[in-house]
């Protein structure tokens, strides 16, 4: 044992030098490992940022596709609604032998679709402005007559409201000129229904 202690005493500076070199080598290895871990962490963070950016781009592209599909559906819905819309003609009412009926107006559907939820009113909003009509809906090539006050119809005008089979709300406003038995100042307003809520 003394030999060992003697040997350690003699070689202590060499052992310390070797231990110092070994410590430097271990520190260098730890530094290299830490540097590689830092680079890997940075690469992983960059990949995560890139992946997040790609996901945002995909979400934006998907949102744009949804908007485009909705617009295409709305356009198709509108086209179908227009193609199947009724077209109401206003003419003087006639009896079965073609004699004009005083104080009556005829409504004929010349369009390609049904006019539903029919309602005929004077535009003045005074009491009794709602007229009784025989039809609730008007199919293609069908008609109905309405009894009107020609003076009131000439002054305030009338409005026929109805809906299309796609739910669009239509208002046909006009004045009735009893002297020439003709509708004048006709104006059709359409409030299109939304296909997608």
N, C-alpha and C. Protein backbone atom coordinates (compact mmCIF):
# COMPACT_ATOMS: atom_id res chain seq x y z
N UNK A 1 0.83 -1.16 0.00
CA UNK A 1 0.00 0.00 0.00
C UNK A 1 0.89 1.26 0.00
N UNK A 2 1.99 1.14 0.68
CA UNK A 2 2.88 2.27 0.66
C UNK A 2 3.45 2.51 -0.70
N UNK A 3 3.63 1.45 -1.37
CA UNK A 3 4.13 1.57 -2.74
C UNK A 3 3.15 2.36 -3.60
N UNK A 4 1.91 2.06 -3.40
CA UNK A 4 0.88 2.74 -4.17
C UNK A 4 0.87 4.23 -3.82
N UNK A 5 0.98 4.54 -2.54
CA UNK A 5 0.98 5.93 -2.12
C UNK A 5 2.23 6.64 -2.63
N UNK A 6 3.29 5.96 -2.64
CA UNK A 6 4.54 6.53 -3.12
C UNK A 6 4.43 6.78 -4.62
N UNK A 7 3.86 5.80 -5.31
CA UNK A 7 3.71 5.92 -6.77
C UNK A 7 2.77 7.07 -7.12
N UNK A 8 1.70 7.24 -6.35
CA UNK A 8 0.76 8.33 -6.58
C UNK A 8 1.44 9.66 -6.33
N UNK A 9 2.26 9.71 -5.32
CA UNK A 9 2.96 10.95 -5.04
C UNK A 9 3.91 11.33 -6.16
N UNK A 10 4.56 10.35 -6.73
CA UNK A 10 5.52 10.60 -7.80
C UNK A 10 4.79 10.98 -9.09
N UNK A 11 3.71 10.32 -9.37
CA UNK A 11 3.03 10.50 -10.66
C UNK A 11 1.80 11.41 -10.56
N UNK A 12 1.63 12.10 -9.48
CA UNK A 12 0.42 12.90 -9.30
C UNK A 12 0.29 14.00 -10.34
N UNK A 13 1.37 14.62 -10.73
CA UNK A 13 1.26 15.69 -11.72
C UNK A 13 0.86 15.12 -13.08
N UNK A 14 1.38 13.91 -13.41
CA UNK A 14 1.00 13.29 -14.67
C UNK A 14 -0.48 12.87 -14.62
N UNK A 15 -0.90 12.36 -13.45
CA UNK A 15 -2.31 11.92 -13.30
C UNK A 15 -3.21 13.14 -13.39
N UNK A 16 -2.81 14.24 -12.78
CA UNK A 16 -3.62 15.45 -12.86
C UNK A 16 -3.70 15.97 -14.29
N UNK A 17 -2.60 15.86 -15.02
CA UNK A 17 -2.59 16.30 -16.41
C UNK A 17 -3.53 15.44 -17.24
N UNK A 18 -3.48 14.12 -17.03
CA UNK A 18 -4.36 13.20 -17.77
C UNK A 18 -5.81 13.47 -17.39
N UNK A 19 -6.05 13.68 -16.07
CA UNK A 19 -7.42 13.97 -15.62
C UNK A 19 -7.90 15.29 -16.21
N UNK A 20 -7.04 16.30 -16.31
CA UNK A 20 -7.40 17.60 -16.91
C UNK A 20 -7.74 17.43 -18.37
N UNK A 21 -6.91 16.63 -19.09
CA UNK A 21 -7.18 16.38 -20.50
C UNK A 21 -8.50 15.64 -20.65
N UNK A 22 -8.72 14.65 -19.80
CA UNK A 22 -9.97 13.87 -19.86
C UNK A 22 -11.16 14.79 -19.58
N UNK A 23 -11.03 15.72 -18.62
CA UNK A 23 -12.12 16.65 -18.31
C UNK A 23 -12.40 17.55 -19.50
N UNK A 24 -11.32 18.01 -20.17
CA UNK A 24 -11.50 18.85 -21.35
C UNK A 24 -12.20 18.07 -22.45
N UNK A 25 -11.81 16.82 -22.65
CA UNK A 25 -12.42 15.98 -23.68
C UNK A 25 -13.91 15.75 -23.36
N UNK A 26 -14.20 15.43 -22.09
CA UNK A 26 -15.60 15.22 -21.68
C UNK A 26 -16.39 16.51 -21.87
N UNK A 27 -15.81 17.66 -21.50
CA UNK A 27 -16.50 18.94 -21.66
C UNK A 27 -16.75 19.23 -23.14
N UNK A 28 -15.75 18.89 -23.98
CA UNK A 28 -15.91 19.11 -25.43
C UNK A 28 -17.01 18.21 -25.98
N UNK A 29 -17.05 16.96 -25.53
CA UNK A 29 -18.11 16.03 -25.98
C UNK A 29 -19.47 16.53 -25.54
N UNK A 30 -19.57 16.97 -24.29
CA UNK A 30 -20.85 17.51 -23.78
C UNK A 30 -21.25 18.75 -24.59
N UNK A 31 -20.27 19.60 -24.92
CA UNK A 31 -20.57 20.80 -25.70
C UNK A 31 -21.05 20.44 -27.10
N UNK A 32 -20.40 19.44 -27.72
CA UNK A 32 -20.82 19.00 -29.07
C UNK A 32 -22.22 18.41 -29.01
N UNK A 33 -22.50 17.59 -28.01
CA UNK A 33 -23.84 17.01 -27.86
C UNK A 33 -24.87 18.11 -27.63
N UNK A 34 -24.56 19.09 -26.78
CA UNK A 34 -25.48 20.20 -26.52
C UNK A 34 -25.71 21.00 -27.80
N UNK A 35 -24.60 21.23 -28.58
CA UNK A 35 -24.73 21.98 -29.83
C UNK A 35 -25.64 21.22 -30.82
N UNK A 36 -25.46 19.90 -30.91
CA UNK A 36 -26.29 19.11 -31.81
C UNK A 36 -27.75 19.11 -31.34
N UNK A 37 -27.97 19.05 -30.03
CA UNK A 37 -29.34 19.11 -29.50
C UNK A 37 -29.98 20.46 -29.82
N UNK A 38 -29.18 21.54 -29.70
CA UNK A 38 -29.68 22.88 -30.03
C UNK A 38 -30.09 22.94 -31.50
N UNK A 39 -29.23 22.44 -32.40
CA UNK A 39 -29.54 22.43 -33.83
C UNK A 39 -30.79 21.60 -34.12
N UNK A 40 -30.90 20.46 -33.45
CA UNK A 40 -32.09 19.60 -33.66
C UNK A 40 -33.35 20.30 -33.16
N UNK A 41 -33.26 20.98 -32.02
CA UNK A 41 -34.41 21.70 -31.48
C UNK A 41 -34.81 22.85 -32.41
N UNK A 42 -33.81 23.56 -32.96
CA UNK A 42 -34.11 24.64 -33.90
C UNK A 42 -34.77 24.09 -35.17
N UNK A 43 -34.24 22.97 -35.67
CA UNK A 43 -34.83 22.35 -36.87
C UNK A 43 -36.26 21.90 -36.59
N UNK A 44 -36.48 21.34 -35.41
CA UNK A 44 -37.83 20.90 -35.04
C UNK A 44 -38.77 22.09 -34.91
N UNK A 45 -38.30 23.18 -34.33
CA UNK A 45 -39.13 24.39 -34.20
C UNK A 45 -39.45 24.96 -35.58
N UNK A 46 -38.45 24.98 -36.48
CA UNK A 46 -38.70 25.48 -37.84
C UNK A 46 -39.70 24.58 -38.56
N UNK A 47 -39.57 23.27 -38.39
CA UNK A 47 -40.51 22.34 -39.02
C UNK A 47 -41.93 22.56 -38.48
N UNK A 48 -42.04 22.81 -37.19
CA UNK A 48 -43.35 23.07 -36.59
C UNK A 48 -43.95 24.37 -37.14
N UNK A 49 -43.11 25.40 -37.29
CA UNK A 49 -43.59 26.67 -37.85
C UNK A 49 -44.04 26.48 -39.30
N UNK A 50 -43.21 25.74 -40.07
CA UNK A 50 -43.57 25.47 -41.46
C UNK A 50 -44.87 24.67 -41.55
N UNK A 51 -45.01 23.70 -40.66
CA UNK A 51 -46.22 22.87 -40.65
C UNK A 51 -47.45 23.71 -40.27
N UNK A 52 -47.28 24.63 -39.32
CA UNK A 52 -48.38 25.52 -38.94
C UNK A 52 -48.76 26.43 -40.11
N UNK A 53 -47.75 26.95 -40.80
CA UNK A 53 -48.03 27.81 -41.97
C UNK A 53 -48.75 27.02 -43.05
N UNK A 54 -48.31 25.77 -43.28
CA UNK A 54 -48.97 24.93 -44.29
C UNK A 54 -50.41 24.63 -43.88
N UNK A 55 -50.63 24.39 -42.59
CA UNK A 55 -51.99 24.12 -42.11
C UNK A 55 -52.87 25.35 -42.29
N UNK A 56 -52.32 26.53 -42.04
CA UNK A 56 -53.08 27.77 -42.24
C UNK A 56 -53.43 27.95 -43.71
N UNK A 57 -52.46 27.66 -44.58
CA UNK A 57 -52.73 27.76 -46.02
C UNK A 57 -53.81 26.78 -46.45
N UNK A 58 -53.75 25.56 -45.92
CA UNK A 58 -54.78 24.56 -46.24
C UNK A 58 -56.14 25.00 -45.73
N UNK A 59 -56.18 25.56 -44.53
CA UNK A 59 -57.45 26.03 -43.97
C UNK A 59 -58.01 27.17 -44.81
N UNK A 60 -57.13 28.08 -45.25
CA UNK A 60 -57.57 29.19 -46.10
C UNK A 60 -58.09 28.67 -47.44
N UNK A 61 -57.38 27.71 -48.02
CA UNK A 61 -57.82 27.13 -49.29
C UNK A 61 -59.17 26.42 -49.13
N UNK A 62 -59.34 25.71 -48.02
CA UNK A 62 -60.61 25.03 -47.77
C UNK A 62 -61.74 26.04 -47.59
N UNK A 63 -61.45 27.13 -46.89
CA UNK A 63 -62.46 28.18 -46.70
C UNK A 63 -62.86 28.79 -48.04
N UNK A 64 -61.87 29.05 -48.89
CA UNK A 64 -62.16 29.60 -50.22
C UNK A 64 -62.98 28.62 -51.05
N UNK A 65 -62.70 27.32 -50.92
CA UNK A 65 -63.48 26.31 -51.64
C UNK A 65 -64.92 26.29 -51.15
N UNK A 66 -65.11 26.43 -49.85
CA UNK A 66 -66.47 26.46 -49.30
C UNK A 66 -67.22 27.68 -49.83
N UNK A 67 -66.55 28.83 -49.85
CA UNK A 67 -67.19 30.06 -50.36
C UNK A 67 -67.54 29.89 -51.83
N UNK A 68 -66.62 29.33 -52.62
CA UNK A 68 -66.88 29.13 -54.05
C UNK A 68 -68.04 28.15 -54.25
N UNK A 69 -68.07 27.08 -53.46
CA UNK A 69 -69.16 26.11 -53.59
C UNK A 69 -70.50 26.74 -53.21
N UNK A 70 -70.49 27.57 -52.17
CA UNK A 70 -71.72 28.24 -51.76
C UNK A 70 -72.19 29.21 -52.85
N UNK A 71 -71.26 29.95 -53.44
CA UNK A 71 -71.63 30.86 -54.52
C UNK A 71 -72.18 30.10 -55.72
N UNK A 72 -71.56 28.96 -56.02
CA UNK A 72 -72.03 28.15 -57.15
C UNK A 72 -73.44 27.61 -56.86
N UNK A 73 -73.67 27.18 -55.63
CA UNK A 73 -74.99 26.69 -55.24
C UNK A 73 -76.02 27.81 -55.32
N UNK A 74 -75.66 29.00 -54.82
CA UNK A 74 -76.56 30.15 -54.89
C UNK A 74 -76.90 30.49 -56.33
N UNK A 75 -75.88 30.47 -57.20
CA UNK A 75 -76.11 30.79 -58.61
C UNK A 75 -77.02 29.75 -59.25
N UNK A 76 -76.77 28.48 -58.99
CA UNK A 76 -77.62 27.41 -59.54
C UNK A 76 -79.05 27.53 -59.02
N UNK A 77 -79.17 27.84 -57.74
CA UNK A 77 -80.49 28.01 -57.13
C UNK A 77 -81.23 29.17 -57.78
N UNK A 78 -80.52 30.29 -57.97
CA UNK A 78 -81.12 31.48 -58.59
C UNK A 78 -81.55 31.18 -60.02
N UNK A 79 -80.69 30.49 -60.78
CA UNK A 79 -81.03 30.15 -62.17
C UNK A 79 -82.26 29.26 -62.21
N UNK A 80 -82.30 28.25 -61.34
CA UNK A 80 -83.47 27.36 -61.29
C UNK A 80 -84.73 28.13 -60.92
N UNK A 81 -84.60 29.06 -59.99
CA UNK A 81 -85.75 29.87 -59.57
C UNK A 81 -86.25 30.72 -60.73
N UNK A 82 -85.33 31.34 -61.48
CA UNK A 82 -85.71 32.18 -62.61
C UNK A 82 -86.35 31.33 -63.72
N UNK A 83 -85.78 30.15 -63.97
CA UNK A 83 -86.29 29.30 -65.04
C UNK A 83 -87.68 28.75 -64.73
N UNK A 84 -88.04 28.65 -63.46
CA UNK A 84 -89.34 28.10 -63.09
C UNK A 84 -90.26 29.16 -62.50
N UNK A 85 -89.98 30.41 -62.80
CA UNK A 85 -90.79 31.50 -62.25
C UNK A 85 -92.09 31.68 -63.03
N UNK A 86 -93.13 32.08 -62.31
CA UNK A 86 -94.37 32.45 -63.00
C UNK A 86 -94.20 33.81 -63.68
N UNK A 87 -95.00 34.07 -64.66
CA UNK A 87 -95.06 35.39 -65.30
C UNK A 87 -96.54 35.75 -65.37
N UNK A 88 -96.93 36.74 -64.62
CA UNK A 88 -98.34 37.10 -64.52
C UNK A 88 -98.67 38.22 -65.51
N UNK A 89 -99.66 37.95 -66.36
CA UNK A 89 -100.19 38.96 -67.29
C UNK A 89 -101.50 39.49 -66.73
N UNK A 90 -101.67 40.79 -66.84
CA UNK A 90 -102.88 41.45 -66.33
C UNK A 90 -103.69 41.92 -67.54
N UNK A 91 -104.91 41.44 -67.65
CA UNK A 91 -105.76 41.78 -68.80
C UNK A 91 -107.17 42.09 -68.30
N UNK A 92 -108.00 42.70 -69.15
CA UNK A 92 -109.39 42.90 -68.76
C UNK A 92 -110.09 41.54 -68.70
N UNK A 93 -110.95 41.37 -67.72
CA UNK A 93 -111.69 40.11 -67.59
C UNK A 93 -112.77 40.04 -68.66
N UNK A 94 -113.01 38.83 -69.16
CA UNK A 94 -114.02 38.61 -70.20
C UNK A 94 -114.91 37.44 -69.79
N UNK A 95 -116.12 37.48 -70.29
CA UNK A 95 -116.99 36.32 -70.05
C UNK A 95 -116.68 35.26 -71.10
N UNK A 96 -117.44 34.18 -71.12
CA UNK A 96 -117.14 33.04 -71.99
C UNK A 96 -117.33 33.35 -73.48
N UNK A 97 -118.00 34.45 -73.82
CA UNK A 97 -118.15 34.81 -75.23
C UNK A 97 -117.30 36.02 -75.61
N UNK A 98 -116.41 36.45 -74.73
CA UNK A 98 -115.45 37.50 -75.03
C UNK A 98 -115.89 38.91 -74.72
N UNK A 99 -117.00 39.08 -74.01
CA UNK A 99 -117.46 40.41 -73.63
C UNK A 99 -116.70 40.84 -72.38
N UNK A 100 -116.16 42.08 -72.38
CA UNK A 100 -115.42 42.59 -71.23
C UNK A 100 -116.34 42.74 -70.03
N UNK A 101 -115.84 42.35 -68.87
CA UNK A 101 -116.59 42.47 -67.63
C UNK A 101 -116.14 43.72 -66.91
N UNK A 102 -117.03 44.69 -66.80
CA UNK A 102 -116.71 45.97 -66.17
C UNK A 102 -116.35 45.75 -64.70
N UNK A 103 -115.28 46.42 -64.26
CA UNK A 103 -114.87 46.34 -62.86
C UNK A 103 -114.18 45.04 -62.49
N UNK A 104 -113.72 44.29 -63.48
CA UNK A 104 -113.01 43.04 -63.19
C UNK A 104 -111.70 43.00 -63.98
N UNK A 105 -110.72 42.39 -63.37
CA UNK A 105 -109.40 42.24 -63.97
C UNK A 105 -109.06 40.76 -63.97
N UNK A 106 -108.39 40.30 -65.01
CA UNK A 106 -107.96 38.90 -65.10
C UNK A 106 -106.45 38.82 -64.92
N UNK A 107 -106.02 37.79 -64.21
CA UNK A 107 -104.60 37.52 -63.99
C UNK A 107 -104.30 36.15 -64.59
N UNK A 108 -103.34 36.08 -65.51
CA UNK A 108 -102.99 34.84 -66.21
C UNK A 108 -101.52 34.54 -65.97
N UNK A 109 -101.24 33.29 -65.65
CA UNK A 109 -99.85 32.87 -65.44
C UNK A 109 -99.30 32.33 -66.76
N UNK A 110 -98.45 33.13 -67.42
CA UNK A 110 -97.81 32.73 -68.67
C UNK A 110 -96.39 32.21 -68.46
N UNK A 111 -96.01 32.00 -67.23
CA UNK A 111 -94.63 31.60 -66.93
C UNK A 111 -94.41 30.11 -66.94
N UNK A 112 -93.33 29.69 -66.30
CA UNK A 112 -92.94 28.28 -66.27
C UNK A 112 -93.06 27.66 -64.88
N UNK A 113 -93.72 28.36 -63.97
CA UNK A 113 -93.85 27.82 -62.62
C UNK A 113 -95.10 28.34 -61.94
N UNK A 114 -95.36 27.79 -60.79
CA UNK A 114 -96.56 28.11 -60.01
C UNK A 114 -96.34 29.39 -59.21
N UNK A 115 -97.38 30.23 -59.18
CA UNK A 115 -97.40 31.39 -58.28
C UNK A 115 -98.25 30.97 -57.08
N UNK A 116 -97.63 30.90 -55.91
CA UNK A 116 -98.32 30.42 -54.71
C UNK A 116 -98.55 31.58 -53.73
N UNK A 117 -99.42 31.35 -52.77
CA UNK A 117 -99.72 32.33 -51.71
C UNK A 117 -100.16 33.68 -52.29
N UNK A 118 -101.07 33.64 -53.24
CA UNK A 118 -101.54 34.86 -53.90
C UNK A 118 -102.27 35.77 -52.93
N UNK A 119 -102.02 37.06 -53.10
CA UNK A 119 -102.72 38.07 -52.31
C UNK A 119 -102.80 39.34 -53.15
N UNK A 120 -104.01 39.92 -53.25
CA UNK A 120 -104.22 41.13 -54.03
C UNK A 120 -104.72 42.23 -53.11
N UNK A 121 -104.05 43.39 -53.18
CA UNK A 121 -104.39 44.52 -52.30
C UNK A 121 -104.31 45.83 -53.07
N UNK A 122 -105.08 46.80 -52.57
CA UNK A 122 -104.87 48.18 -53.03
C UNK A 122 -103.61 48.68 -52.34
N UNK A 123 -102.88 49.56 -53.01
CA UNK A 123 -101.62 50.05 -52.44
C UNK A 123 -101.80 51.17 -51.44
N UNK A 124 -102.99 51.72 -51.31
CA UNK A 124 -103.18 52.88 -50.42
C UNK A 124 -103.18 52.52 -48.94
N UNK A 125 -103.37 51.26 -48.60
CA UNK A 125 -103.35 50.85 -47.20
C UNK A 125 -104.57 51.26 -46.41
N UNK A 126 -105.60 51.76 -47.07
CA UNK A 126 -106.83 52.17 -46.39
C UNK A 126 -107.64 50.94 -46.01
N UNK A 127 -108.61 51.09 -45.10
CA UNK A 127 -109.45 49.94 -44.74
C UNK A 127 -110.07 49.32 -45.99
N UNK A 128 -110.14 48.01 -45.97
CA UNK A 128 -110.68 47.28 -47.11
C UNK A 128 -109.71 47.17 -48.26
N UNK A 129 -108.41 47.30 -47.97
CA UNK A 129 -107.44 47.25 -49.07
C UNK A 129 -107.17 45.83 -49.56
N UNK A 130 -107.51 44.82 -48.76
CA UNK A 130 -107.30 43.43 -49.14
C UNK A 130 -108.49 42.94 -49.96
N UNK A 131 -108.24 42.48 -51.18
CA UNK A 131 -109.31 42.02 -52.05
C UNK A 131 -109.48 40.50 -51.94
N UNK A 132 -110.71 40.06 -52.00
CA UNK A 132 -111.00 38.63 -51.99
C UNK A 132 -110.75 38.08 -53.38
N UNK A 133 -109.92 37.06 -53.47
CA UNK A 133 -109.67 36.42 -54.75
C UNK A 133 -109.97 34.93 -54.62
N UNK A 134 -110.30 34.32 -55.74
CA UNK A 134 -110.74 32.93 -55.73
C UNK A 134 -109.59 31.93 -55.72
N UNK A 135 -108.39 32.38 -56.01
CA UNK A 135 -107.26 31.46 -56.12
C UNK A 135 -106.24 31.69 -55.02
N UNK A 136 -105.70 30.61 -54.49
CA UNK A 136 -104.58 30.68 -53.56
C UNK A 136 -103.26 30.49 -54.28
N UNK A 137 -103.33 29.80 -55.42
CA UNK A 137 -102.15 29.61 -56.26
C UNK A 137 -102.60 29.63 -57.72
N UNK A 138 -101.64 29.87 -58.57
CA UNK A 138 -101.93 29.99 -59.99
C UNK A 138 -100.92 29.13 -60.75
N UNK A 139 -101.41 28.01 -61.29
CA UNK A 139 -100.52 27.11 -62.02
C UNK A 139 -100.29 27.66 -63.42
N UNK A 140 -99.42 27.03 -64.15
CA UNK A 140 -99.07 27.48 -65.50
C UNK A 140 -100.32 27.46 -66.39
N UNK A 141 -100.52 28.54 -67.12
CA UNK A 141 -101.63 28.75 -68.06
C UNK A 141 -102.99 28.84 -67.38
N UNK A 142 -103.02 29.04 -66.09
CA UNK A 142 -104.29 29.20 -65.38
C UNK A 142 -104.51 30.69 -65.13
N UNK A 143 -105.77 31.06 -64.85
CA UNK A 143 -106.08 32.46 -64.59
C UNK A 143 -107.18 32.56 -63.55
N UNK A 144 -107.36 33.77 -63.03
CA UNK A 144 -108.49 34.08 -62.16
C UNK A 144 -108.88 35.53 -62.38
N UNK A 145 -110.13 35.84 -62.06
CA UNK A 145 -110.64 37.20 -62.16
C UNK A 145 -110.78 37.79 -60.78
N UNK A 146 -110.61 39.11 -60.69
CA UNK A 146 -110.80 39.81 -59.42
C UNK A 146 -111.70 41.02 -59.66
N UNK A 147 -112.65 41.20 -58.77
CA UNK A 147 -113.55 42.35 -58.81
C UNK A 147 -112.85 43.51 -58.12
N UNK A 148 -112.74 44.67 -58.82
CA UNK A 148 -112.01 45.82 -58.27
C UNK A 148 -112.84 47.09 -58.37
N UNK A 149 -112.46 48.07 -57.57
CA UNK A 149 -112.99 49.43 -57.68
C UNK A 149 -112.06 50.14 -58.66
N UNK A 150 -112.51 50.37 -59.89
CA UNK A 150 -111.64 50.92 -60.93
C UNK A 150 -111.08 52.30 -60.57
N UNK A 151 -111.87 53.12 -59.88
CA UNK A 151 -111.38 54.44 -59.48
C UNK A 151 -110.24 54.32 -58.49
N UNK A 152 -110.39 53.48 -57.49
CA UNK A 152 -109.35 53.28 -56.48
C UNK A 152 -108.13 52.61 -57.12
N UNK A 153 -108.37 51.66 -58.01
CA UNK A 153 -107.27 50.95 -58.68
C UNK A 153 -106.49 51.89 -59.59
N UNK A 154 -107.18 52.91 -60.14
CA UNK A 154 -106.49 53.87 -61.00
C UNK A 154 -105.67 54.85 -60.17
N UNK A 155 -106.23 55.24 -59.04
CA UNK A 155 -105.58 56.26 -58.21
C UNK A 155 -104.42 55.68 -57.39
N UNK A 156 -104.73 54.70 -56.54
CA UNK A 156 -103.68 54.18 -55.65
C UNK A 156 -102.93 53.01 -56.27
N UNK A 157 -103.59 52.28 -57.13
CA UNK A 157 -102.96 51.11 -57.74
C UNK A 157 -103.19 49.86 -56.91
N UNK A 158 -102.76 48.76 -57.47
CA UNK A 158 -102.91 47.45 -56.82
C UNK A 158 -101.54 46.79 -56.74
N UNK A 159 -101.45 45.82 -55.85
CA UNK A 159 -100.24 45.00 -55.77
C UNK A 159 -100.67 43.54 -55.59
N UNK A 160 -100.14 42.69 -56.46
CA UNK A 160 -100.35 41.24 -56.37
C UNK A 160 -99.06 40.65 -55.83
N UNK A 161 -99.15 39.98 -54.69
CA UNK A 161 -97.96 39.33 -54.13
C UNK A 161 -98.12 37.82 -54.25
N UNK A 162 -96.99 37.15 -54.46
CA UNK A 162 -96.98 35.69 -54.57
C UNK A 162 -95.57 35.19 -54.34
N UNK A 163 -95.45 33.89 -54.16
CA UNK A 163 -94.13 33.27 -53.98
C UNK A 163 -93.90 32.23 -55.08
N UNK A 164 -92.64 32.03 -55.43
CA UNK A 164 -92.27 31.01 -56.41
C UNK A 164 -92.11 29.68 -55.70
N UNK A 165 -91.92 28.61 -56.47
CA UNK A 165 -91.75 27.30 -55.84
C UNK A 165 -90.44 27.21 -55.05
N UNK A 166 -89.50 28.11 -55.31
CA UNK A 166 -88.26 28.14 -54.55
C UNK A 166 -88.32 29.11 -53.38
N UNK A 167 -89.47 29.74 -53.17
CA UNK A 167 -89.65 30.60 -52.00
C UNK A 167 -89.34 32.06 -52.21
N UNK A 168 -89.03 32.48 -53.42
CA UNK A 168 -88.80 33.91 -53.66
C UNK A 168 -90.13 34.65 -53.57
N UNK A 169 -90.09 35.87 -53.00
CA UNK A 169 -91.29 36.67 -52.83
C UNK A 169 -91.36 37.71 -53.94
N UNK A 170 -92.51 37.72 -54.64
CA UNK A 170 -92.69 38.63 -55.78
C UNK A 170 -93.83 39.59 -55.49
N UNK A 171 -93.66 40.83 -55.93
CA UNK A 171 -94.70 41.86 -55.81
C UNK A 171 -94.88 42.51 -57.18
N UNK A 172 -96.08 42.37 -57.74
CA UNK A 172 -96.40 42.97 -59.03
C UNK A 172 -97.32 44.15 -58.76
N UNK A 173 -96.77 45.36 -58.90
CA UNK A 173 -97.54 46.58 -58.66
C UNK A 173 -97.99 47.16 -60.00
N UNK A 174 -99.20 47.72 -60.02
CA UNK A 174 -99.72 48.34 -61.24
C UNK A 174 -100.90 49.23 -60.89
N UNK A 175 -101.28 50.04 -61.87
CA UNK A 175 -102.50 50.83 -61.78
C UNK A 175 -103.42 50.34 -62.89
N UNK A 176 -104.72 50.40 -62.65
CA UNK A 176 -105.67 49.94 -63.65
C UNK A 176 -106.34 51.15 -64.29
N UNK A 177 -106.19 51.28 -65.61
CA UNK A 177 -106.83 52.35 -66.36
C UNK A 177 -108.11 51.77 -66.95
N UNK A 178 -109.24 52.08 -66.33
CA UNK A 178 -110.52 51.54 -66.77
C UNK A 178 -110.98 52.10 -68.09
N UNK A 179 -110.48 53.28 -68.49
CA UNK A 179 -110.89 53.88 -69.76
C UNK A 179 -110.39 53.07 -70.96
N UNK A 180 -109.20 52.51 -70.80
CA UNK A 180 -108.65 51.70 -71.89
C UNK A 180 -108.58 50.22 -71.51
N UNK A 181 -109.09 49.90 -70.33
CA UNK A 181 -109.08 48.51 -69.82
C UNK A 181 -107.68 47.90 -69.91
N UNK A 182 -106.74 48.57 -69.25
CA UNK A 182 -105.36 48.12 -69.34
C UNK A 182 -104.60 48.45 -68.05
N UNK A 183 -103.67 47.56 -67.70
CA UNK A 183 -102.76 47.80 -66.58
C UNK A 183 -101.65 48.73 -67.05
N UNK A 184 -101.36 49.75 -66.23
CA UNK A 184 -100.28 50.68 -66.56
C UNK A 184 -99.31 50.76 -65.38
N UNK A 185 -98.15 51.29 -65.64
CA UNK A 185 -97.11 51.47 -64.61
C UNK A 185 -96.81 50.17 -63.86
N UNK A 186 -96.69 49.08 -64.61
CA UNK A 186 -96.38 47.79 -63.97
C UNK A 186 -94.94 47.78 -63.48
N UNK A 187 -94.75 47.20 -62.30
CA UNK A 187 -93.41 47.05 -61.74
C UNK A 187 -93.35 45.76 -60.93
N UNK A 188 -92.43 44.88 -61.29
CA UNK A 188 -92.25 43.61 -60.59
C UNK A 188 -91.02 43.70 -59.70
N UNK A 189 -91.19 43.39 -58.44
CA UNK A 189 -90.08 43.35 -57.50
C UNK A 189 -89.94 41.92 -56.99
N UNK A 190 -88.72 41.40 -57.01
CA UNK A 190 -88.48 40.02 -56.56
C UNK A 190 -87.46 40.04 -55.44
N UNK A 191 -87.83 39.41 -54.34
CA UNK A 191 -86.90 39.20 -53.22
C UNK A 191 -86.54 37.73 -53.23
N UNK A 192 -85.35 37.44 -53.75
CA UNK A 192 -84.95 36.04 -53.93
C UNK A 192 -84.71 35.36 -52.59
N UNK A 193 -85.15 34.11 -52.52
CA UNK A 193 -84.93 33.31 -51.32
C UNK A 193 -83.48 32.85 -51.30
N UNK A 194 -82.97 32.61 -50.11
CA UNK A 194 -81.62 32.08 -49.97
C UNK A 194 -81.67 30.58 -49.96
N UNK A 195 -80.79 29.95 -50.75
CA UNK A 195 -80.79 28.49 -50.80
C UNK A 195 -80.02 27.89 -49.63
N UNK A 196 -79.01 28.62 -49.15
CA UNK A 196 -78.18 28.12 -48.07
C UNK A 196 -78.20 29.13 -46.93
N UNK A 197 -78.58 28.70 -45.77
CA UNK A 197 -78.63 29.61 -44.63
C UNK A 197 -77.32 29.58 -43.91
